[in-house]
Amino acid sequence: APALAQADVAVAMNTGTQAAKEAGNMVDLDSSPTKLIEVVRIGKQ
């Protein structure tokens, strides 16, 4: 949670704790960490 709150783009897993989801500015509902690469691509697009 502390690192997620500090990061510019913070993707929290939906399977994670409430603290992690509240700290992140995105929540991956599939809880797939590889989604971060897709998030970057969508942002660039």
All heavy atoms as atom14 arrays in JSON, in Angstrom:
{
  "sequence": "APALAQADVAVAMNTGTQAAKEAGNMVDLDSSPTKLIEVVRIGKQ",
  "atom14_mask": [
    [1, 1, 1, 1, 1, 0, 0, 0, 0, 0, 0, 0, 0, 0],
    [1, 1, 1, 1, 1, 1, 1, 0, 0, 0, 0, 0, 0, 0],
    [1, 1, 1, 1, 1, 0, 0, 0, 0, 0, 0, 0, 0, 0],
    [1, 1, 1, 1, 1, 1, 1, 1, 0, 0, 0, 0, 0, 0],
    [1, 1, 1, 1, 1, 0, 0, 0, 0, 0, 0, 0, 0, 0],
    [1, 1, 1, 1, 1, 1, 1, 1, 1, 0, 0, 0, 0, 0],
    [1, 1, 1, 1, 1, 0, 0, 0, 0, 0, 0, 0, 0, 0],
    [1, 1, 1, 1, 1, 1, 1, 1, 0, 0, 0, 0, 0, 0],
    [1, 1, 1, 1, 1, 1, 1, 0, 0, 0, 0, 0, 0, 0],
    [1, 1, 1, 1, 1, 0, 0, 0, 0, 0, 0, 0, 0, 0],
    [1, 1, 1, 1, 1, 1, 1, 0, 0, 0, 0, 0, 0, 0],
    [1, 1, 1, 1, 1, 0, 0, 0, 0, 0, 0, 0, 0, 0],
    [1, 1, 1, 1, 1, 1, 1, 1, 0, 0, 0, 0, 0, 0],
    [1, 1, 1, 1, 1, 1, 1, 1, 0, 0, 0, 0, 0, 0],
    [1, 1, 1, 1, 1, 1, 1, 0, 0, 0, 0, 0, 0, 0],
    [1, 1, 1, 1, 0, 0, 0, 0, 0, 0, 0, 0, 0, 0],
    [1, 1, 1, 1, 1, 1, 1, 0, 0, 0, 0, 0, 0, 0],
    [1, 1, 1, 1, 1, 1, 1, 1, 1, 0, 0, 0, 0, 0],
    [1, 1, 1, 1, 1, 0, 0, 0, 0, 0, 0, 0, 0, 0],
    [1, 1, 1, 1, 1, 0, 0, 0, 0, 0, 0, 0, 0, 0],
    [1, 1, 1, 1, 1, 1, 1, 1, 1, 0, 0, 0, 0, 0],
    [1, 1, 1, 1, 1, 1, 1, 1, 1, 0, 0, 0, 0, 0],
    [1, 1, 1, 1, 1, 0, 0, 0, 0, 0, 0, 0, 0, 0],
    [1, 1, 1, 1, 0, 0, 0, 0, 0, 0, 0, 0, 0, 0],
    [1, 1, 1, 1, 1, 1, 1, 1, 0, 0, 0, 0, 0, 0],
    [1, 1, 1, 1, 1, 1, 1, 1, 0, 0, 0, 0, 0, 0],
    [1, 1, 1, 1, 1, 1, 1, 0, 0, 0, 0, 0, 0, 0],
    [1, 1, 1, 1, 1, 1, 1, 1, 0, 0, 0, 0, 0, 0],
    [1, 1, 1, 1, 1, 1, 1, 1, 0, 0, 0, 0, 0, 0],
    [1, 1, 1, 1, 1, 1, 1, 1, 0, 0, 0, 0, 0, 0],
    [1, 1, 1, 1, 1, 1, 0, 0, 0, 0, 0, 0, 0, 0],
    [1, 1, 1, 1, 1, 1, 0, 0, 0, 0, 0, 0, 0, 0],
    [1, 1, 1, 1, 1, 1, 1, 0, 0, 0, 0, 0, 0, 0],
    [1, 1, 1, 1, 1, 1, 1, 0, 0, 0, 0, 0, 0, 0],
    [1, 1, 1, 1, 1, 1, 1, 1, 1, 0, 0, 0, 0, 0],
    [1, 1, 1, 1, 1, 1, 1, 1, 0, 0, 0, 0, 0, 0],
    [1, 1, 1, 1, 1, 1, 1, 1, 0, 0, 0, 0, 0, 0],
    [1, 1, 1, 1, 1, 1, 1, 1, 1, 0, 0, 0, 0, 0],
    [1, 1, 1, 1, 1, 1, 1, 0, 0, 0, 0, 0, 0, 0],
    [1, 1, 1, 1, 1, 1, 1, 0, 0, 0, 0, 0, 0, 0],
    [1, 1, 1, 1, 1, 1, 1, 1, 1, 1, 1, 0, 0, 0],
    [1, 1, 1, 1, 1, 1, 1, 1, 0, 0, 0, 0, 0, 0],
    [1, 1, 1, 1, 0, 0, 0, 0, 0, 0, 0, 0, 0, 0],
    [1, 1, 1, 1, 1, 1, 1, 1, 1, 0, 0, 0, 0, 0],
    [1, 1, 1, 1, 1, 1, 1, 1, 1, 0, 0, 0, 0, 0]
  ],
  "atom14_positions": [
    [[0.8, -1.23, 0.0], [0.0, 0.0, 0.0], [0.84, 1.28, 0.0], [0.55, 2.21, -0.77], [-0.97, 0.0, 1.18], [0.0, 0.0, 0.0], [0.0, 0.0, 0.0], [0.0, 0.0, 0.0], [0.0, 0.0, 0.0], [0.0, 0.0, 0.0], [0.0, 0.0, 0.0], [0.0, 0.0, 0.0], [0.0, 0.0, 0.0], [0.0, 0.0, 0.0]],
    [[1.89, 1.41, 0.84], [2.68, 2.65, 0.81], [3.3, 2.93, -0.56], [3.26, 4.06, -1.04], [3.76, 2.41, 1.88], [3.17, 1.38, 2.79], [2.35, 0.49, 1.91], [0.0, 0.0, 0.0], [0.0, 0.0, 0.0], [0.0, 0.0, 0.0], [0.0, 0.0, 0.0], [0.0, 0.0, 0.0], [0.0, 0.0, 0.0], [0.0, 0.0, 0.0]],
    [[3.86, 1.9, -1.19], [4.48, 2.07, -2.5], [3.43, 2.39, -3.56], [3.66, 3.21, -4.46], [5.28, 0.83, -2.87], [0.0, 0.0, 0.0], [0.0, 0.0, 0.0], [0.0, 0.0, 0.0], [0.0, 0.0, 0.0], [0.0, 0.0, 0.0], [0.0, 0.0, 0.0], [0.0, 0.0, 0.0], [0.0, 0.0, 0.0], [0.0, 0.0, 0.0]],
    [[2.27, 1.74, -3.48], [1.19, 2.01, -4.44], [0.72, 3.46, -4.33], [0.45, 4.12, -5.33], [0.02, 1.05, -4.2], [0.22, -0.4, -4.64], [-0.91, -1.27, -4.11], [0.29, -0.5, -6.15], [0.0, 0.0, 0.0], [0.0, 0.0, 0.0], [0.0, 0.0, 0.0], [0.0, 0.0, 0.0], [0.0, 0.0, 0.0], [0.0, 0.0, 0.0]],
    [[0.62, 3.94, -3.11], [0.18, 5.32, -2.9], [1.2, 6.31, -3.46], [0.84, 7.41, -3.89], [-0.04, 5.58, -1.4], [0.0, 0.0, 0.0], [0.0, 0.0, 0.0], [0.0, 0.0, 0.0], [0.0, 0.0, 0.0], [0.0, 0.0, 0.0], [0.0, 0.0, 0.0], [0.0, 0.0, 0.0], [0.0, 0.0, 0.0], [0.0, 0.0, 0.0]],
    [[2.47, 5.94, -3.46], [3.53, 6.83, -3.94], [3.69, 6.78, -5.45], [4.05, 7.78, -6.08], [4.86, 6.42, -3.28], [6.04, 7.31, -3.64], [5.9, 8.72, -3.09], [5.37, 8.92, -2.0], [6.37, 9.71, -3.84], [0.0, 0.0, 0.0], [0.0, 0.0, 0.0], [0.0, 0.0, 0.0], [0.0, 0.0, 0.0], [0.0, 0.0, 0.0]],
    [[3.42, 5.64, -6.08], [3.65, 5.47, -7.52], [2.72, 6.38, -8.33], [1.61, 6.7, -7.91], [3.43, 4.01, -7.92], [0.0, 0.0, 0.0], [0.0, 0.0, 0.0], [0.0, 0.0, 0.0], [0.0, 0.0, 0.0], [0.0, 0.0, 0.0], [0.0, 0.0, 0.0], [0.0, 0.0, 0.0], [0.0, 0.0, 0.0], [0.0, 0.0, 0.0]],
    [[3.19, 6.78, -9.5], [2.37, 7.63, -10.38], [1.22, 6.84, -10.98], [0.12, 7.36, -11.16], [3.25, 8.2, -11.5], [4.39, 9.05, -10.96], [4.11, 10.17, -10.5], [5.54, 8.59, -10.97], [0.0, 0.0, 0.0], [0.0, 0.0, 0.0], [0.0, 0.0, 0.0], [0.0, 0.0, 0.0], [0.0, 0.0, 0.0], [0.0, 0.0, 0.0]],
    [[1.48, 5.59, -11.33], [0.43, 4.68, -11.8], [0.49, 3.45, -10.91], [1.49, 2.74, -10.89], [0.64, 4.26, -13.27], [-0.44, 3.28, -13.71], [0.65, 5.49, -14.17], [0.0, 0.0, 0.0], [0.0, 0.0, 0.0], [0.0, 0.0, 0.0], [0.0, 0.0, 0.0], [0.0, 0.0, 0.0], [0.0, 0.0, 0.0], [0.0, 0.0, 0.0]],
    [[-0.57, 3.22, -10.14], [-0.58, 2.14, -9.16], [-1.74, 1.2, -9.45], [-2.9, 1.58, -9.28], [-0.7, 2.71, -7.75], [0.0, 0.0, 0.0], [0.0, 0.0, 0.0], [0.0, 0.0, 0.0], [0.0, 0.0, 0.0], [0.0, 0.0, 0.0], [0.0, 0.0, 0.0], [0.0, 0.0, 0.0], [0.0, 0.0, 0.0], [0.0, 0.0, 0.0]],
    [[-1.42, 0.0, -9.93], [-2.45, -0.97, -10.28], [-2.57, -1.99, -9.15], [-1.67, -2.8, -8.94], [-2.12, -1.69, -11.6], [-3.25, -2.64, -11.98], [-1.9, -0.67, -12.71], [0.0, 0.0, 0.0], [0.0, 0.0, 0.0], [0.0, 0.0, 0.0], [0.0, 0.0, 0.0], [0.0, 0.0, 0.0], [0.0, 0.0, 0.0], [0.0, 0.0, 0.0]],
    [[-3.67, -1.93, -8.41], [-3.91, -2.87, -7.32], [-4.72, -4.04, -7.83], [-5.58, -3.9, -8.71], [-4.66, -2.18, -6.18], [0.0, 0.0, 0.0], [0.0, 0.0, 0.0], [0.0, 0.0, 0.0], [0.0, 0.0, 0.0], [0.0, 0.0, 0.0], [0.0, 0.0, 0.0], [0.0, 0.0, 0.0], [0.0, 0.0, 0.0], [0.0, 0.0, 0.0]],
    [[-4.41, -5.23, -7.3], [-5.15, -6.43, -7.7], [-6.48, -6.49, -6.95], [-6.54, -6.21, -5.76], [-4.33, -7.68, -7.37], [-2.96, -7.75, -8.03], [-3.0, -7.82, -9.83], [-2.61, -6.11, -10.25], [0.0, 0.0, 0.0], [0.0, 0.0, 0.0], [0.0, 0.0, 0.0], [0.0, 0.0, 0.0], [0.0, 0.0, 0.0], [0.0, 0.0, 0.0]],
    [[-7.54, -6.89, -7.65], [-8.84, -7.0, -7.02], [-8.86, -8.08, -5.94], [-9.66, -8.02, -5.0], [-9.92, -7.3, -8.07], [-11.31, -7.22, -7.51], [-11.63, -6.3, -6.76], [-12.16, -8.17, -7.86], [0.0, 0.0, 0.0], [0.0, 0.0, 0.0], [0.0, 0.0, 0.0], [0.0, 0.0, 0.0], [0.0, 0.0, 0.0], [0.0, 0.0, 0.0]],
    [[-7.96, -9.09, -6.07], [-7.89, -10.14, -5.06], [-7.11, -9.68, -3.83], [-7.02, -10.41, -2.85], [-7.18, -11.38, -5.63], [-5.92, -10.99, -6.17], [-8.02, -12.01, -6.73], [0.0, 0.0, 0.0], [0.0, 0.0, 0.0], [0.0, 0.0, 0.0], [0.0, 0.0, 0.0], [0.0, 0.0, 0.0], [0.0, 0.0, 0.0], [0.0, 0.0, 0.0]],
    [[-6.53, -8.49, -3.9], [-5.71, -7.99, -2.8], [-6.52, -7.42, -1.66], [-7.75, -7.48, -1.63], [0.0, 0.0, 0.0], [0.0, 0.0, 0.0], [0.0, 0.0, 0.0], [0.0, 0.0, 0.0], [0.0, 0.0, 0.0], [0.0, 0.0, 0.0], [0.0, 0.0, 0.0], [0.0, 0.0, 0.0], [0.0, 0.0, 0.0], [0.0, 0.0, 0.0]],
    [[-5.81, -6.83, -0.73], [-6.45, -6.28, 0.47], [-7.12, -4.95, 0.17], [-6.82, -4.28, -0.83], [-5.41, -6.08, 1.58], [-4.43, -5.12, 1.13], [-4.71, -7.38, 1.94], [0.0, 0.0, 0.0], [0.0, 0.0, 0.0], [0.0, 0.0, 0.0], [0.0, 0.0, 0.0], [0.0, 0.0, 0.0], [0.0, 0.0, 0.0], [0.0, 0.0, 0.0]],
    [[-8.01, -4.55, 1.06], [-8.7, -3.28, 0.91], [-7.7, -2.13, 0.93], [-7.86, -1.15, 0.2], [-9.72, -3.12, 2.05], [-10.75, -2.02, 1.82], [-11.73, -2.37, 0.71], [-11.93, -3.52, 0.38], [-12.33, -1.35, 0.12], [0.0, 0.0, 0.0], [0.0, 0.0, 0.0], [0.0, 0.0, 0.0], [0.0, 0.0, 0.0], [0.0, 0.0, 0.0]],
    [[-6.66, -2.26, 1.75], [-5.66, -1.2, 1.83], [-4.96, -1.01, 0.49], [-4.72, 0.14, 0.06], [-4.62, -1.55, 2.91], [0.0, 0.0, 0.0], [0.0, 0.0, 0.0], [0.0, 0.0, 0.0], [0.0, 0.0, 0.0], [0.0, 0.0, 0.0], [0.0, 0.0, 0.0], [0.0, 0.0, 0.0], [0.0, 0.0, 0.0], [0.0, 0.0, 0.0]],
    [[-4.65, -2.1, -0.19], [-3.99, -2.0, -1.5], [-4.91, -1.35, -2.52], [-4.49, -0.48, -3.3], [-3.56, -3.38, -1.97], [0.0, 0.0, 0.0], [0.0, 0.0, 0.0], [0.0, 0.0, 0.0], [0.0, 0.0, 0.0], [0.0, 0.0, 0.0], [0.0, 0.0, 0.0], [0.0, 0.0, 0.0], [0.0, 0.0, 0.0], [0.0, 0.0, 0.0]],
    [[-6.19, -1.75, -2.51], [-7.14, -1.19, -3.49], [-7.39, 0.29, -3.26], [-7.58, 1.06, -4.2], [-8.44, -1.98, -3.46], [-8.31, -3.38, -4.04], [-9.65, -4.04, -4.29], [-10.26, -4.6, -3.04], [-11.44, -5.44, -3.3], [0.0, 0.0, 0.0], [0.0, 0.0, 0.0], [0.0, 0.0, 0.0], [0.0, 0.0, 0.0], [0.0, 0.0, 0.0]],
    [[-7.4, 0.7, -2.0], [-7.61, 2.11, -1.7], [-6.38, 2.94, -2.03], [-6.47, 4.12, -2.36], [-8.0, 2.28, -0.24], [-9.4, 1.76, 0.08], [-9.76, 1.89, 1.56], [-8.89, 2.34, 2.33], [-10.89, 1.54, 1.93], [0.0, 0.0, 0.0], [0.0, 0.0, 0.0], [0.0, 0.0, 0.0], [0.0, 0.0, 0.0], [0.0, 0.0, 0.0]],
    [[-5.19, 2.34, -1.95], [-3.96, 3.07, -2.24], [-3.73, 3.22, -3.73], [-3.13, 4.2, -4.18], [-2.76, 2.35, -1.61], [0.0, 0.0, 0.0], [0.0, 0.0, 0.0], [0.0, 0.0, 0.0], [0.0, 0.0, 0.0], [0.0, 0.0, 0.0], [0.0, 0.0, 0.0], [0.0, 0.0, 0.0], [0.0, 0.0, 0.0], [0.0, 0.0, 0.0]],
    [[-4.2, 2.26, -4.54], [-3.96, 2.32, -5.98], [-4.9, 3.29, -6.67], [-5.97, 3.62, -6.16], [0.0, 0.0, 0.0], [0.0, 0.0, 0.0], [0.0, 0.0, 0.0], [0.0, 0.0, 0.0], [0.0, 0.0, 0.0], [0.0, 0.0, 0.0], [0.0, 0.0, 0.0], [0.0, 0.0, 0.0], [0.0, 0.0, 0.0], [0.0, 0.0, 0.0]],
    [[-4.47, 3.77, -7.86], [-5.38, 4.6, -8.65], [-6.0, 3.82, -9.8], [-6.71, 4.36, -10.63], [-4.69, 5.87, -9.17], [-3.34, 5.58, -9.81], [-3.11, 4.5, -10.35], [-2.44, 6.54, -9.75], [0.0, 0.0, 0.0], [0.0, 0.0, 0.0], [0.0, 0.0, 0.0], [0.0, 0.0, 0.0], [0.0, 0.0, 0.0], [0.0, 0.0, 0.0]],
    [[-5.69, 2.52, -9.87], [-6.36, 1.58, -10.77], [-6.52, 0.26, -10.03], [-5.7, -0.08, -9.19], [-5.55, 1.35, -12.05], [-5.4, 2.55, -12.95], [-4.55, 2.09, -14.48], [-4.33, 3.72, -15.22], [0.0, 0.0, 0.0], [0.0, 0.0, 0.0], [0.0, 0.0, 0.0], [0.0, 0.0, 0.0], [0.0, 0.0, 0.0], [0.0, 0.0, 0.0]],
    [[-7.58, -0.47, -10.39], [-7.79, -1.81, -9.82], [-7.99, -2.78, -10.97], [-8.86, -2.57, -11.82], [-9.02, -1.85, -8.89], [-9.26, -3.26, -8.38], [-8.82, -0.9, -7.71], [0.0, 0.0, 0.0], [0.0, 0.0, 0.0], [0.0, 0.0, 0.0], [0.0, 0.0, 0.0], [0.0, 0.0, 0.0], [0.0, 0.0, 0.0], [0.0, 0.0, 0.0]],
    [[-7.15, -3.81, -11.01], [-7.27, -4.85, -12.03], [-8.24, -5.91, -11.54], [-7.94, -6.65, -10.6], [-5.9, -5.45, -12.32], [-5.98, -6.59, -13.33], [-7.0, -6.7, -14.0], [-5.0, -7.36, -13.42], [0.0, 0.0, 0.0], [0.0, 0.0, 0.0], [0.0, 0.0, 0.0], [0.0, 0.0, 0.0], [0.0, 0.0, 0.0], [0.0, 0.0, 0.0]],
    [[-9.41, -5.97, -12.16], [-10.46, -6.87, -11.7], [-10.1, -8.34, -11.95], [-10.64, -9.23, -11.3], [-11.79, -6.53, -12.38], [-12.27, -5.09, -12.19], [-13.59, -4.88, -12.9], [-12.38, -4.74, -10.73], [0.0, 0.0, 0.0], [0.0, 0.0, 0.0], [0.0, 0.0, 0.0], [0.0, 0.0, 0.0], [0.0, 0.0, 0.0], [0.0, 0.0, 0.0]],
    [[-9.2, -8.59, -12.9], [-8.76, -9.96, -13.17], [-7.6, -10.38, -12.28], [-7.2, -11.54, -12.29], [-8.31, -10.11, -14.63], [-9.47, -9.94, -15.6], [-10.6, -10.21, -15.2], [-9.22, -9.52, -16.75], [0.0, 0.0, 0.0], [0.0, 0.0, 0.0], [0.0, 0.0, 0.0], [0.0, 0.0, 0.0], [0.0, 0.0, 0.0], [0.0, 0.0, 0.0]],
    [[-7.02, -9.41, -11.56], [-5.88, -9.67, -10.69], [-4.73, -10.34, -11.45], [-4.13, -11.3, -11.0], [-6.3, -10.54, -9.48], [-7.28, -9.87, -8.72], [0.0, 0.0, 0.0], [0.0, 0.0, 0.0], [0.0, 0.0, 0.0], [0.0, 0.0, 0.0], [0.0, 0.0, 0.0], [0.0, 0.0, 0.0], [0.0, 0.0, 0.0], [0.0, 0.0, 0.0]],
    [[-4.44, -9.81, -12.63], [-3.35, -10.31, -13.46], [-2.26, -9.25, -13.52], [-2.44, -8.23, -14.2], [-3.84, -10.63, -14.88], [-2.75, -10.9, -15.73], [0.0, 0.0, 0.0], [0.0, 0.0, 0.0], [0.0, 0.0, 0.0], [0.0, 0.0, 0.0], [0.0, 0.0, 0.0], [0.0, 0.0, 0.0], [0.0, 0.0, 0.0], [0.0, 0.0, 0.0]],
    [[-1.13, -9.44, -12.82], [-0.11, -8.41, -12.79], [0.44, -8.02, -14.16], [0.94, -6.92, -14.34], [1.0, -9.03, -11.93], [0.29, -10.04, -11.08], [-0.79, -10.58, -11.95], [0.0, 0.0, 0.0], [0.0, 0.0, 0.0], [0.0, 0.0, 0.0], [0.0, 0.0, 0.0], [0.0, 0.0, 0.0], [0.0, 0.0, 0.0], [0.0, 0.0, 0.0]],
    [[0.36, -8.93, -15.15], [0.84, -8.59, -16.49], [-0.01, -7.49, -17.12], [0.38, -6.91, -18.12], [0.81, -9.82, -17.41], [-0.5, -10.39, -17.38], [1.81, -10.86, -16.95], [0.0, 0.0, 0.0], [0.0, 0.0, 0.0], [0.0, 0.0, 0.0], [0.0, 0.0, 0.0], [0.0, 0.0, 0.0], [0.0, 0.0, 0.0], [0.0, 0.0, 0.0]],
    [[-1.17, -7.22, -16.54], [-2.06, -6.19, -17.07], [-1.39, -4.83, -17.08], [-1.8, -3.93, -17.84], [-3.34, -6.15, -16.24], [-4.54, -5.47, -16.9], [-5.1, -6.25, -18.05], [-5.79, -7.51, -17.58], [-6.96, -7.32, -16.78], [0.0, 0.0, 0.0], [0.0, 0.0, 0.0], [0.0, 0.0, 0.0], [0.0, 0.0, 0.0], [0.0, 0.0, 0.0]],
    [[-0.37, -4.63, -16.25], [0.31, -3.34, -16.17], [0.87, -2.94, -17.53], [0.82, -1.77, -17.91], [1.43, -3.4, -15.13], [2.15, -2.08, -14.83], [1.18, -1.02, -14.39], [3.19, -2.31, -13.75], [0.0, 0.0, 0.0], [0.0, 0.0, 0.0], [0.0, 0.0, 0.0], [0.0, 0.0, 0.0], [0.0, 0.0, 0.0], [0.0, 0.0, 0.0]],
    [[1.39, -3.92, -18.28], [1.92, -3.62, -19.6], [0.8, -3.14, -20.52], [0.96, -2.19, -21.29], [2.62, -4.87, -20.18], [3.83, -5.24, -19.31], [3.06, -4.64, -21.62], [4.5, -6.53, -19.7], [0.0, 0.0, 0.0], [0.0, 0.0, 0.0], [0.0, 0.0, 0.0], [0.0, 0.0, 0.0], [0.0, 0.0, 0.0], [0.0, 0.0, 0.0]],
    [[-0.37, -3.77, -20.42], [-1.52, -3.36, -21.23], [-2.01, -1.97, -20.82], [-2.41, -1.17, -21.68], [-2.64, -4.39, -21.08], [-3.78, -4.19, -22.05], [-4.78, -5.32, -22.02], [-4.49, -6.36, -21.37], [-5.84, -5.19, -22.64], [0.0, 0.0, 0.0], [0.0, 0.0, 0.0], [0.0, 0.0, 0.0], [0.0, 0.0, 0.0], [0.0, 0.0, 0.0]],
    [[-1.97, -1.67, -19.53], [-2.36, -0.35, -19.05], [-1.47, 0.72, -19.66], [-1.95, 1.78, -20.11], [-2.3, -0.29, -17.51], [-2.42, 1.14, -17.02], [-3.41, -1.13, -16.9], [0.0, 0.0, 0.0], [0.0, 0.0, 0.0], [0.0, 0.0, 0.0], [0.0, 0.0, 0.0], [0.0, 0.0, 0.0], [0.0, 0.0, 0.0], [0.0, 0.0, 0.0]],
    [[-0.16, 0.47, -19.7], [0.78, 1.43, -20.29], [0.45, 1.64, -21.76], [0.45, 2.77, -22.26], [2.23, 0.94, -20.12], [3.19, 1.78, -20.94], [2.62, 0.99, -18.65], [0.0, 0.0, 0.0], [0.0, 0.0, 0.0], [0.0, 0.0, 0.0], [0.0, 0.0, 0.0], [0.0, 0.0, 0.0], [0.0, 0.0, 0.0], [0.0, 0.0, 0.0]],
    [[0.15, 0.55, -22.46], [-0.17, 0.67, -23.89], [-1.44, 1.47, -24.12], [-1.52, 2.29, -25.03], [-0.3, -0.72, -24.5], [1.04, -1.42, -24.67], [0.89, -2.81, -25.22], [2.19, -3.4, -25.53], [2.38, -4.66, -25.84], [1.36, -5.48, -25.87], [3.59, -5.1, -26.1], [0.0, 0.0, 0.0], [0.0, 0.0, 0.0], [0.0, 0.0, 0.0]],
    [[-2.45, 1.24, -23.28], [-3.71, 1.99, -23.42], [-3.47, 3.46, -23.12], [-4.0, 4.35, -23.8], [-4.79, 1.4, -22.48], [-5.21, 0.01, -22.98], [-6.0, 2.32, -22.4], [-6.15, -0.72, -22.05], [0.0, 0.0, 0.0], [0.0, 0.0, 0.0], [0.0, 0.0, 0.0], [0.0, 0.0, 0.0], [0.0, 0.0, 0.0], [0.0, 0.0, 0.0]],
    [[-2.64, 3.76, -22.1], [-2.32, 5.15, -21.78], [-1.6, 5.83, -22.93], [-1.92, 6.98, -23.29], [0.0, 0.0, 0.0], [0.0, 0.0, 0.0], [0.0, 0.0, 0.0], [0.0, 0.0, 0.0], [0.0, 0.0, 0.0], [0.0, 0.0, 0.0], [0.0, 0.0, 0.0], [0.0, 0.0, 0.0], [0.0, 0.0, 0.0], [0.0, 0.0, 0.0]],
    [[-0.63, 5.13, -23.52], [0.09, 5.71, -24.65], [-0.84, 5.87, -25.86], [-0.75, 6.85, -26.59], [1.28, 4.82, -25.02], [2.44, 4.94, -24.03], [3.67, 4.2, -24.51], [4.83, 4.4, -23.54], [5.29, 5.8, -23.51], [0.0, 0.0, 0.0], [0.0, 0.0, 0.0], [0.0, 0.0, 0.0], [0.0, 0.0, 0.0], [0.0, 0.0, 0.0]],
    [[-1.74, 4.9, -26.04], [-2.67, 5.0, -27.16], [-3.61, 6.2, -26.99], [-3.94, 6.89, -27.96], [-3.48, 3.72, -27.29], [-4.33, 3.69, -28.56], [-5.21, 2.47, -28.65], [-5.73, 1.98, -27.65], [-5.39, 1.94, -29.85], [0.0, 0.0, 0.0], [0.0, 0.0, 0.0], [0.0, 0.0, 0.0], [0.0, 0.0, 0.0], [0.0, 0.0, 0.0]]
  ]
}
